[in-house]
Amino acid sequence: MKISAVLIVCNEASNLEACVKSVSWADECVVLEHGSTDNTVKIARDLNVAVLQTTDWLGFGVQKNRAIDAATGEWILSIDADERVTPELALEIFDALEKAKITSGSIAFEIPRLTQFCGVWIRHCGWTPDYVLRLFKRGEARFSDDLVHEKLQLIGANTTVVRLNHPLLHYSYPTPEHYWRKLQRYSKDWARQRHARGQKTSIARAALSAFTAFVRSYVLQLGFLDGAMGFAVCTMQAQSAFGKYFELYCLGREHDK
């Protein structure tokens, strides 16, 4: 029962070592790199993991599928460089896969994710519980071909999805700068993808999305219980909602000229 941990990276020198060490219990770790200008590749090679590089970028979904294809394990654990598998989660994964041996039919596992924002664990705002489908049998799941916000899609119609209990730790936004950088990239990729499909929008739609995102995360999803950082997260989520629709709006204006 060989387990392969797979991840895609670009300029993840600050994260890669801790991430890889958190999955050192796996039989194999595959790191697929693209476009790094820092020490990411050197760090990966020093960690004695399987390092592959691509020269083209077709989106997060395609890149993650390439990493899966390069792995050799019976089971695949897909993680991001800013995530960490705790010892407790690792033990739970081993136990779950042992039980899966005697389970008839296909099975995949969702893992709860706990995200940190500027040094504070966020437990509301729609961020928790955040179940992510990440552990599956080879050949039984693929990522969608989206540029951004890719989704893991199960191939078997009768696959059973089981939720694990111990969280995957997500150190996504150590500083506001990290958030703005990710927001800019994701907004542009999301807008490009929607524009390519012929979708258009308006400033009113962008404003409404921002307002709805704030109310949903701060009020309905109890973001106010996370204090000052909860307010910051909900405000930034509103900015994110506005930003992606504004990018789409600008692409539509350029196209109509």
C-alpha atoms as a PDB file:
ATOM      1  CA  MET A   1       0.000   0.000   0.000  1.00  0.00           C
ATOM      2  CA  LYS A   2       2.329   2.706  -1.284  1.00  0.00           C
ATOM      3  CA  ILE A   3       1.397   6.334  -0.564  1.00  0.00           C
ATOM      4  CA  SER A   4       2.583   9.212  -2.766  1.00  0.00           C
ATOM      5  CA  ALA A   5       2.415  12.806  -1.559  1.00  0.00           C
ATOM      6  CA  VAL A   6       2.290  15.203  -4.523  1.00  0.00           C
ATOM      7  CA  LEU A   7       2.525  18.986  -4.695  1.00  0.00           C
ATOM      8  CA  ILE A   8       3.086  21.710  -7.260  1.00  0.00           C
ATOM      9  CA  VAL A   9       5.308  24.676  -6.424  1.00  0.00           C
ATOM     10  CA  CYS A  10       6.494  28.053  -7.645  1.00  0.00           C
ATOM     11  CA  ASN A  11       8.677  30.254  -5.438  1.00  0.00           C
ATOM     12  CA  GLU A  12       7.934  28.239  -2.303  1.00  0.00           C
ATOM     13  CA  ALA A  13      11.384  28.395  -0.717  1.00  0.00           C
ATOM     14  CA  SER A  14       9.907  29.587   2.578  1.00  0.00           C
ATOM     15  CA  ASN A  15       7.397  26.740   2.768  1.00  0.00           C
ATOM     16  CA  LEU A  16       8.776  23.717   0.971  1.00  0.00           C
ATOM     17  CA  GLU A  17      11.023  22.145   3.595  1.00  0.00           C
ATOM     18  CA  ALA A  18       8.393  22.200   6.354  1.00  0.00           C
ATOM     19  CA  CYS A  19       5.758  20.852   3.977  1.00  0.00           C
ATOM     20  CA  VAL A  20       7.902  17.973   2.703  1.00  0.00           C
ATOM     21  CA  LYS A  21       9.042  17.045   6.208  1.00  0.00           C
ATOM     22  CA  SER A  22       5.410  16.869   7.317  1.00  0.00           C
ATOM     23  CA  VAL A  23       4.842  14.071   4.775  1.00  0.00           C
ATOM     24  CA  SER A  24       8.155  12.289   5.328  1.00  0.00           C
ATOM     25  CA  TRP A  25       6.154   9.240   6.406  1.00  0.00           C
ATOM     26  CA  ALA A  26       4.855   8.803   2.840  1.00  0.00           C
ATOM     27  CA  ASP A  27       6.613   6.292   0.599  1.00  0.00           C
ATOM     28  CA  GLU A  28       7.201   8.942  -2.036  1.00  0.00           C
ATOM     29  CA  CYS A  29       7.011  12.711  -2.428  1.00  0.00           C
ATOM     30  CA  VAL A  30       6.696  14.235  -5.896  1.00  0.00           C
ATOM     31  CA  VAL A  31       7.397  17.963  -6.314  1.00  0.00           C
ATOM     32  CA  LEU A  32       6.419  19.494  -9.661  1.00  0.00           C
ATOM     33  CA  GLU A  33       7.970  22.934 -10.129  1.00  0.00           C
ATOM     34  CA  HIS A  34       7.272  25.708 -12.592  1.00  0.00           C
ATOM     35  CA  GLY A  35       8.832  29.137 -12.970  1.00  0.00           C
ATOM     36  CA  SER A  36      10.554  29.572  -9.613  1.00  0.00           C
ATOM     37  CA  THR A  37      13.086  32.385  -9.283  1.00  0.00           C
ATOM     38  CA  ASP A  38      14.092  31.597  -5.699  1.00  0.00           C
ATOM     39  CA  ASN A  39      15.781  28.519  -4.163  1.00  0.00           C
ATOM     40  CA  THR A  40      12.744  26.260  -4.455  1.00  0.00           C
ATOM     41  CA  VAL A  41      14.365  23.746  -6.820  1.00  0.00           C
ATOM     42  CA  LYS A  42      17.599  23.518  -4.813  1.00  0.00           C
ATOM     43  CA  ILE A  43      15.699  22.988  -1.566  1.00  0.00           C
ATOM     44  CA  ALA A  44      13.580  20.258  -3.158  1.00  0.00           C
ATOM     45  CA  ARG A  45      16.630  18.431  -4.472  1.00  0.00           C
ATOM     46  CA  ASP A  46      18.396  18.710  -1.113  1.00  0.00           C
ATOM     47  CA  LEU A  47      15.356  17.043   0.459  1.00  0.00           C
ATOM     48  CA  ASN A  48      15.838  13.990  -1.788  1.00  0.00           C
ATOM     49  CA  VAL A  49      12.342  14.031  -3.217  1.00  0.00           C
ATOM     50  CA  ALA A  50      11.335  13.430  -6.822  1.00  0.00           C
ATOM     51  CA  VAL A  51      11.675  16.821  -8.530  1.00  0.00           C
ATOM     52  CA  LEU A  52      10.176  17.497 -11.944  1.00  0.00           C
ATOM     53  CA  GLN A  53       9.955  20.787 -13.833  1.00  0.00           C
ATOM     54  CA  THR A  54       7.633  22.111 -16.515  1.00  0.00           C
ATOM     55  CA  THR A  55       8.234  25.029 -18.864  1.00  0.00           C
ATOM     56  CA  ASP A  56       4.583  25.804 -19.602  1.00  0.00           C
ATOM     57  CA  TRP A  57       1.735  26.822 -17.322  1.00  0.00           C
ATOM     58  CA  LEU A  58      -1.774  25.678 -18.242  1.00  0.00           C
ATOM     59  CA  GLY A  59      -3.357  26.283 -14.857  1.00  0.00           C
ATOM     60  CA  PHE A  60      -3.471  24.738 -11.388  1.00  0.00           C
ATOM     61  CA  GLY A  61      -5.688  21.836 -12.415  1.00  0.00           C
ATOM     62  CA  VAL A  62      -3.484  20.679 -15.297  1.00  0.00           C
ATOM     63  CA  GLN A  63      -0.339  21.075 -13.213  1.00  0.00           C
ATOM     64  CA  LYS A  64      -1.736  19.033 -10.331  1.00  0.00           C
ATOM     65  CA  ASN A  65      -2.762  16.267 -12.723  1.00  0.00           C
ATOM     66  CA  ARG A  66       0.784  16.200 -14.067  1.00  0.00           C
ATOM     67  CA  ALA A  67       2.072  15.698 -10.527  1.00  0.00           C
ATOM     68  CA  ILE A  68      -0.407  12.858 -10.011  1.00  0.00           C
ATOM     69  CA  ASP A  69       0.703  11.207 -13.262  1.00  0.00           C
ATOM     70  CA  ALA A  70       4.321  11.341 -12.124  1.00  0.00           C
ATOM     71  CA  ALA A  71       3.562   9.536  -8.859  1.00  0.00           C
ATOM     72  CA  THR A  72       3.784   5.770  -8.500  1.00  0.00           C
ATOM     73  CA  GLY A  73       1.813   5.125  -5.310  1.00  0.00           C
ATOM     74  CA  GLU A  74      -1.430   3.229  -5.009  1.00  0.00           C
ATOM     75  CA  TRP A  75      -2.783   6.111  -2.923  1.00  0.00           C
ATOM     76  CA  ILE A  76      -2.300   9.807  -3.709  1.00  0.00           C
ATOM     77  CA  LEU A  77      -2.230  12.600  -1.139  1.00  0.00           C
ATOM     78  CA  SER A  78      -2.395  15.980  -2.874  1.00  0.00           C
ATOM     79  CA  ILE A  79      -1.173  18.876  -0.733  1.00  0.00           C
ATOM     80  CA  ASP A  80      -0.070  22.472  -1.198  1.00  0.00           C
ATOM     81  CA  ALA A  81       3.293  23.858  -0.141  1.00  0.00           C
ATOM     82  CA  ASP A  82       1.709  26.042   2.541  1.00  0.00           C
ATOM     83  CA  GLU A  83      -0.012  23.071   4.190  1.00  0.00           C
ATOM     84  CA  ARG A  84       1.292  20.732   6.903  1.00  0.00           C
ATOM     85  CA  VAL A  85       0.235  17.202   7.824  1.00  0.00           C
ATOM     86  CA  THR A  86       0.350  16.814  11.595  1.00  0.00           C
ATOM     87  CA  PRO A  87       1.530  13.548  13.188  1.00  0.00           C
ATOM     88  CA  GLU A  88      -2.044  12.982  14.381  1.00  0.00           C
ATOM     89  CA  LEU A  89      -3.403  13.351  10.856  1.00  0.00           C
ATOM     90  CA  ALA A  90      -0.709  11.047   9.484  1.00  0.00           C
ATOM     91  CA  LEU A  91      -1.705   8.323  11.952  1.00  0.00           C
ATOM     92  CA  GLU A  92      -5.367   8.801  11.055  1.00  0.00           C
ATOM     93  CA  ILE A  93      -4.522   8.460   7.351  1.00  0.00           C
ATOM     94  CA  PHE A  94      -2.683   5.177   7.962  1.00  0.00           C
ATOM     95  CA  ASP A  95      -5.607   3.878   9.994  1.00  0.00           C
ATOM     96  CA  ALA A  96      -8.125   4.954   7.325  1.00  0.00           C
ATOM     97  CA  LEU A  97      -6.182   3.264   4.536  1.00  0.00           C
ATOM     98  CA  GLU A  98      -5.889   0.061   6.529  1.00  0.00           C
ATOM     99  CA  LYS A  99      -9.664   0.024   6.930  1.00  0.00           C
ATOM    100  CA  ALA A 100     -10.064   0.827   3.223  1.00  0.00           C
ATOM    101  CA  LYS A 101      -8.392  -2.507   2.393  1.00  0.00           C
ATOM    102  CA  ILE A 102     -11.457  -4.374   3.549  1.00  0.00           C
ATOM    103  CA  THR A 103     -13.968  -1.932   2.083  1.00  0.00           C
ATOM    104  CA  SER A 104     -15.721  -2.948  -1.099  1.00  0.00           C
ATOM    105  CA  GLY A 105     -15.935  -0.343  -3.841  1.00  0.00           C
ATOM    106  CA  SER A 106     -14.061   2.911  -4.354  1.00  0.00           C
ATOM    107  CA  ILE A 107     -13.311   5.256  -1.474  1.00  0.00           C
ATOM    108  CA  ALA A 108     -11.771   8.732  -1.137  1.00  0.00           C
ATOM    109  CA  PHE A 109     -11.107  10.952   1.863  1.00  0.00           C
ATOM    110  CA  GLU A 110     -11.885  14.554   2.739  1.00  0.00           C
ATOM    111  CA  ILE A 111      -9.629  16.279   5.251  1.00  0.00           C
ATOM    112  CA  PRO A 112     -10.727  19.236   7.398  1.00  0.00           C
ATOM    113  CA  ARG A 113      -8.428  22.230   6.911  1.00  0.00           C
ATOM    114  CA  LEU A 114      -7.603  24.868   9.503  1.00  0.00           C
ATOM    115  CA  THR A 115      -6.258  28.108   8.034  1.00  0.00           C
ATOM    116  CA  GLN A 116      -4.019  30.672   9.682  1.00  0.00           C
ATOM    117  CA  PHE A 117      -4.267  34.363   8.796  1.00  0.00           C
ATOM    118  CA  CYS A 118      -1.475  36.701   9.938  1.00  0.00           C
ATOM    119  CA  GLY A 119      -0.588  34.374  12.816  1.00  0.00           C
ATOM    120  CA  VAL A 120      -4.175  33.722  13.967  1.00  0.00           C
ATOM    121  CA  TRP A 121      -6.138  30.519  13.384  1.00  0.00           C
ATOM    122  CA  ILE A 122      -9.468  31.425  11.786  1.00  0.00           C
ATOM    123  CA  ARG A 123     -12.306  29.234  13.073  1.00  0.00           C
ATOM    124  CA  HIS A 124     -15.283  30.891  11.383  1.00  0.00           C
ATOM    125  CA  CYS A 125     -15.743  33.231   8.354  1.00  0.00           C
ATOM    126  CA  GLY A 126     -16.607  30.236   6.178  1.00  0.00           C
ATOM    127  CA  TRP A 127     -13.021  29.024   6.518  1.00  0.00           C
ATOM    128  CA  THR A 128     -13.784  26.394   9.150  1.00  0.00           C
ATOM    129  CA  PRO A 129     -14.818  23.677   8.715  1.00  0.00           C
ATOM    130  CA  ASP A 130     -13.180  23.563   5.307  1.00  0.00           C
ATOM    131  CA  TYR A 131     -13.230  19.994   4.027  1.00  0.00           C
ATOM    132  CA  VAL A 132     -10.916  19.365   1.085  1.00  0.00           C
ATOM    133  CA  LEU A 133     -10.891  16.176  -0.992  1.00  0.00           C
ATOM    134  CA  ARG A 134      -7.217  15.252  -1.108  1.00  0.00           C
ATOM    135  CA  LEU A 135      -6.656  11.529  -0.499  1.00  0.00           C
ATOM    136  CA  PHE A 136      -7.700   9.063  -3.163  1.00  0.00           C
ATOM    137  CA  LYS A 137      -6.719   5.929  -5.009  1.00  0.00           C
ATOM    138  CA  ARG A 138      -4.685   6.231  -8.186  1.00  0.00           C
ATOM    139  CA  GLY A 139      -6.892   6.393 -11.253  1.00  0.00           C
ATOM    140  CA  GLU A 140     -10.046   7.216  -9.301  1.00  0.00           C
ATOM    141  CA  ALA A 141      -9.885  11.024  -9.305  1.00  0.00           C
ATOM    142  CA  ARG A 142      -8.582  13.909 -11.430  1.00  0.00           C
ATOM    143  CA  PHE A 143      -8.450  17.656 -10.999  1.00  0.00           C
ATOM    144  CA  SER A 144     -10.574  19.848 -13.256  1.00  0.00           C
ATOM    145  CA  ASP A 145      -8.645  21.722 -15.944  1.00  0.00           C
ATOM    146  CA  ASP A 146      -9.369  25.127 -14.415  1.00  0.00           C
ATOM    147  CA  LEU A 147      -6.753  27.868 -14.352  1.00  0.00           C
ATOM    148  CA  VAL A 148      -7.630  28.563 -10.723  1.00  0.00           C
ATOM    149  CA  HIS A 149      -9.975  27.156  -8.057  1.00  0.00           C
ATOM    150  CA  GLU A 150      -9.520  23.687  -9.504  1.00  0.00           C
ATOM    151  CA  LYS A 151     -11.619  20.875  -8.046  1.00  0.00           C
ATOM    152  CA  LEU A 152     -10.779  17.232  -7.508  1.00  0.00           C
ATOM    153  CA  GLN A 153     -13.352  15.203  -9.412  1.00  0.00           C
ATOM    154  CA  LEU A 154     -14.073  11.577  -8.604  1.00  0.00           C
ATOM    155  CA  ILE A 155     -14.176   9.277 -11.612  1.00  0.00           C
ATOM    156  CA  GLY A 156     -16.303   6.498 -10.152  1.00  0.00           C
ATOM    157  CA  ALA A 157     -19.989   7.326  -9.760  1.00  0.00           C
ATOM    158  CA  ASN A 158     -20.285   5.127  -6.673  1.00  0.00           C
ATOM    159  CA  THR A 159     -17.208   6.309  -4.813  1.00  0.00           C
ATOM    160  CA  THR A 160     -17.733   6.665  -1.060  1.00  0.00           C
ATOM    161  CA  VAL A 161     -16.299   9.860   0.448  1.00  0.00           C
ATOM    162  CA  VAL A 162     -15.189   9.586   4.068  1.00  0.00           C
ATOM    163  CA  ARG A 163     -14.303  12.568   6.251  1.00  0.00           C
ATOM    164  CA  LEU A 164     -11.256  12.434   8.479  1.00  0.00           C
ATOM    165  CA  ASN A 165     -11.152  14.220  11.842  1.00  0.00           C
ATOM    166  CA  HIS A 166      -7.686  15.695  12.346  1.00  0.00           C
ATOM    167  CA  PRO A 167      -7.059  18.950  10.450  1.00  0.00           C
ATOM    168  CA  LEU A 168      -4.587  19.769   7.726  1.00  0.00           C
ATOM    169  CA  LEU A 169      -2.833  22.955   8.857  1.00  0.00           C
ATOM    170  CA  HIS A 170      -2.920  25.710   6.251  1.00  0.00           C
ATOM    171  CA  TYR A 171      -0.389  28.546   6.628  1.00  0.00           C
ATOM    172  CA  SER A 172      -1.799  30.416   3.672  1.00  0.00           C
ATOM    173  CA  TYR A 173      -1.492  34.079   4.632  1.00  0.00           C
ATOM    174  CA  PRO A 174       1.406  34.822   7.030  1.00  0.00           C
ATOM    175  CA  THR A 175       1.265  38.537   6.124  1.00  0.00           C
ATOM    176  CA  PRO A 176      -1.220  40.864   4.368  1.00  0.00           C
ATOM    177  CA  GLU A 177       1.259  41.036   1.485  1.00  0.00           C
ATOM    178  CA  HIS A 178       0.814  37.310   0.852  1.00  0.00           C
ATOM    179  CA  TYR A 179      -2.940  37.786   0.716  1.00  0.00           C
ATOM    180  CA  TRP A 180      -2.798  40.672  -1.769  1.00  0.00           C
ATOM    181  CA  ARG A 181      -0.357  38.777  -3.970  1.00  0.00           C
ATOM    182  CA  LYS A 182      -2.601  35.699  -4.092  1.00  0.00           C
ATOM    183  CA  LEU A 183      -5.694  37.841  -4.566  1.00  0.00           C
ATOM    184  CA  GLN A 184      -4.195  39.538  -7.606  1.00  0.00           C
ATOM    185  CA  ARG A 185      -3.148  36.274  -9.226  1.00  0.00           C
ATOM    186  CA  TYR A 186      -6.384  34.428  -8.553  1.00  0.00           C
ATOM    187  CA  SER A 187      -8.546  37.363  -9.627  1.00  0.00           C
ATOM    188  CA  LYS A 188      -6.760  37.638 -12.958  1.00  0.00           C
ATOM    189  CA  ASP A 189      -6.837  33.895 -13.634  1.00  0.00           C
ATOM    190  CA  TRP A 190     -10.508  33.635 -12.637  1.00  0.00           C
ATOM    191  CA  ALA A 191     -11.444  36.568 -14.853  1.00  0.00           C
ATOM    192  CA  ARG A 192      -9.453  35.250 -17.827  1.00  0.00           C
ATOM    193  CA  GLN A 193     -11.150  31.888 -17.509  1.00  0.00           C
ATOM    194  CA  ARG A 194     -14.650  33.364 -17.329  1.00  0.00           C
ATOM    195  CA  HIS A 195     -13.907  35.818 -20.152  1.00  0.00           C
ATOM    196  CA  ALA A 196     -12.736  32.938 -22.366  1.00  0.00           C
ATOM    197  CA  ARG A 197     -16.136  31.301 -21.785  1.00  0.00           C
ATOM    198  CA  GLY A 198     -17.896  34.443 -22.992  1.00  0.00           C
ATOM    199  CA  GLN A 199     -19.072  35.664 -19.600  1.00  0.00           C
ATOM    200  CA  LYS A 200     -19.509  39.395 -18.973  1.00  0.00           C
ATOM    201  CA  THR A 201     -20.351  41.407 -15.883  1.00  0.00           C
ATOM    202  CA  SER A 202     -20.984  44.911 -14.574  1.00  0.00           C
ATOM    203  CA  ILE A 203     -19.740  47.167 -11.817  1.00  0.00           C
ATOM    204  CA  ALA A 204     -23.079  46.689 -10.064  1.00  0.00           C
ATOM    205  CA  ARG A 205     -22.515  42.915 -10.077  1.00  0.00           C
ATOM    206  CA  ALA A 206     -19.023  43.413  -8.654  1.00  0.00           C
ATOM    207  CA  ALA A 207     -20.335  45.644  -5.878  1.00  0.00           C
ATOM    208  CA  LEU A 208     -23.170  43.259  -5.036  1.00  0.00           C
ATOM    209  CA  SER A 209     -20.719  40.332  -4.876  1.00  0.00           C
ATOM    210  CA  ALA A 210     -18.540  42.244  -2.432  1.00  0.00           C
ATOM    211  CA  PHE A 211     -21.485  43.164  -0.198  1.00  0.00           C
ATOM    212  CA  THR A 212     -22.865  39.615  -0.257  1.00  0.00           C
ATOM    213  CA  ALA A 213     -19.480  38.091   0.505  1.00  0.00           C
ATOM    214  CA  PHE A 214     -19.020  40.290   3.575  1.00  0.00           C
ATOM    215  CA  VAL A 215     -22.492  39.697   5.002  1.00  0.00           C
ATOM    216  CA  ARG A 216     -22.254  35.954   4.417  1.00  0.00           C
ATOM    217  CA  SER A 217     -18.820  35.534   6.016  1.00  0.00           C
ATOM    218  CA  TYR A 218     -19.099  38.082   8.838  1.00  0.00           C
ATOM    219  CA  VAL A 219     -22.712  37.565   9.886  1.00  0.00           C
ATOM    220  CA  LEU A 220     -24.068  34.259   8.596  1.00  0.00           C
ATOM    221  CA  GLN A 221     -20.778  32.363   9.002  1.00  0.00           C
ATOM    222  CA  LEU A 222     -20.015  34.035  12.356  1.00  0.00           C
ATOM    223  CA  GLY A 223     -16.827  35.805  11.307  1.00  0.00           C
ATOM    224  CA  PHE A 224     -17.377  38.340  14.103  1.00  0.00           C
ATOM    225  CA  LEU A 225     -16.464  35.604  16.590  1.00  0.00           C
ATOM    226  CA  ASP A 226     -12.885  35.696  15.277  1.00  0.00           C
ATOM    227  CA  GLY A 227     -12.451  39.254  16.508  1.00  0.00           C
ATOM    228  CA  ALA A 228     -10.313  41.797  14.690  1.00  0.00           C
ATOM    229  CA  MET A 229      -8.740  39.226  12.380  1.00  0.00           C
ATOM    230  CA  GLY A 230     -12.180  37.864  11.569  1.00  0.00           C
ATOM    231  CA  PHE A 231     -13.267  41.331  10.484  1.00  0.00           C
ATOM    232  CA  ALA A 232     -10.091  41.643   8.397  1.00  0.00           C
ATOM    233  CA  VAL A 233     -10.689  38.270   6.721  1.00  0.00           C
ATOM    234  CA  CYS A 234     -14.302  39.078   5.884  1.00  0.00           C
ATOM    235  CA  THR A 235     -13.359  42.510   4.529  1.00  0.00           C
ATOM    236  CA  MET A 236     -10.640  41.011   2.369  1.00  0.00           C
ATOM    237  CA  GLN A 237     -13.031  38.345   1.112  1.00  0.00           C
ATOM    238  CA  ALA A 238     -15.352  41.154   0.042  1.00  0.00           C
ATOM    239  CA  GLN A 239     -12.435  42.833  -1.732  1.00  0.00           C
ATOM    240  CA  SER A 240     -11.594  39.528  -3.389  1.00  0.00           C
ATOM    241  CA  ALA A 241     -15.166  39.142  -4.658  1.00  0.00           C
ATOM    242  CA  PHE A 242     -15.142  42.682  -6.024  1.00  0.00           C
ATOM    243  CA  GLY A 243     -11.669  42.299  -7.526  1.00  0.00           C
ATOM    244  CA  LYS A 244     -12.375  39.226  -9.637  1.00  0.00           C
ATOM    245  CA  TYR A 245     -15.585  40.678 -11.091  1.00  0.00           C
ATOM    246  CA  PHE A 246     -13.862  44.000 -11.698  1.00  0.00           C
ATOM    247  CA  GLU A 247     -11.113  42.188 -13.619  1.00  0.00           C
ATOM    248  CA  LEU A 248     -13.793  40.463 -15.694  1.00  0.00           C
ATOM    249  CA  TYR A 249     -15.562  43.772 -16.259  1.00  0.00           C
ATOM    250  CA  CYS A 250     -12.347  45.380 -17.534  1.00  0.00           C
ATOM    251  CA  LEU A 251     -11.662  42.450 -19.888  1.00  0.00           C
ATOM    252  CA  GLY A 252     -15.148  42.850 -21.309  1.00  0.00           C
ATOM    253  CA  ARG A 253     -14.622  46.569 -21.896  1.00  0.00           C
ATOM    254  CA  GLU A 254     -11.343  45.925 -23.705  1.00  0.00           C
ATOM    255  CA  HIS A 255     -12.986  43.264 -25.858  1.00  0.00           C
ATOM    256  CA  ASP A 256     -15.859  45.573 -26.836  1.00  0.00           C
ATOM    257  CA  LYS A 257     -13.612  48.426 -27.975  1.00  0.00           C
END
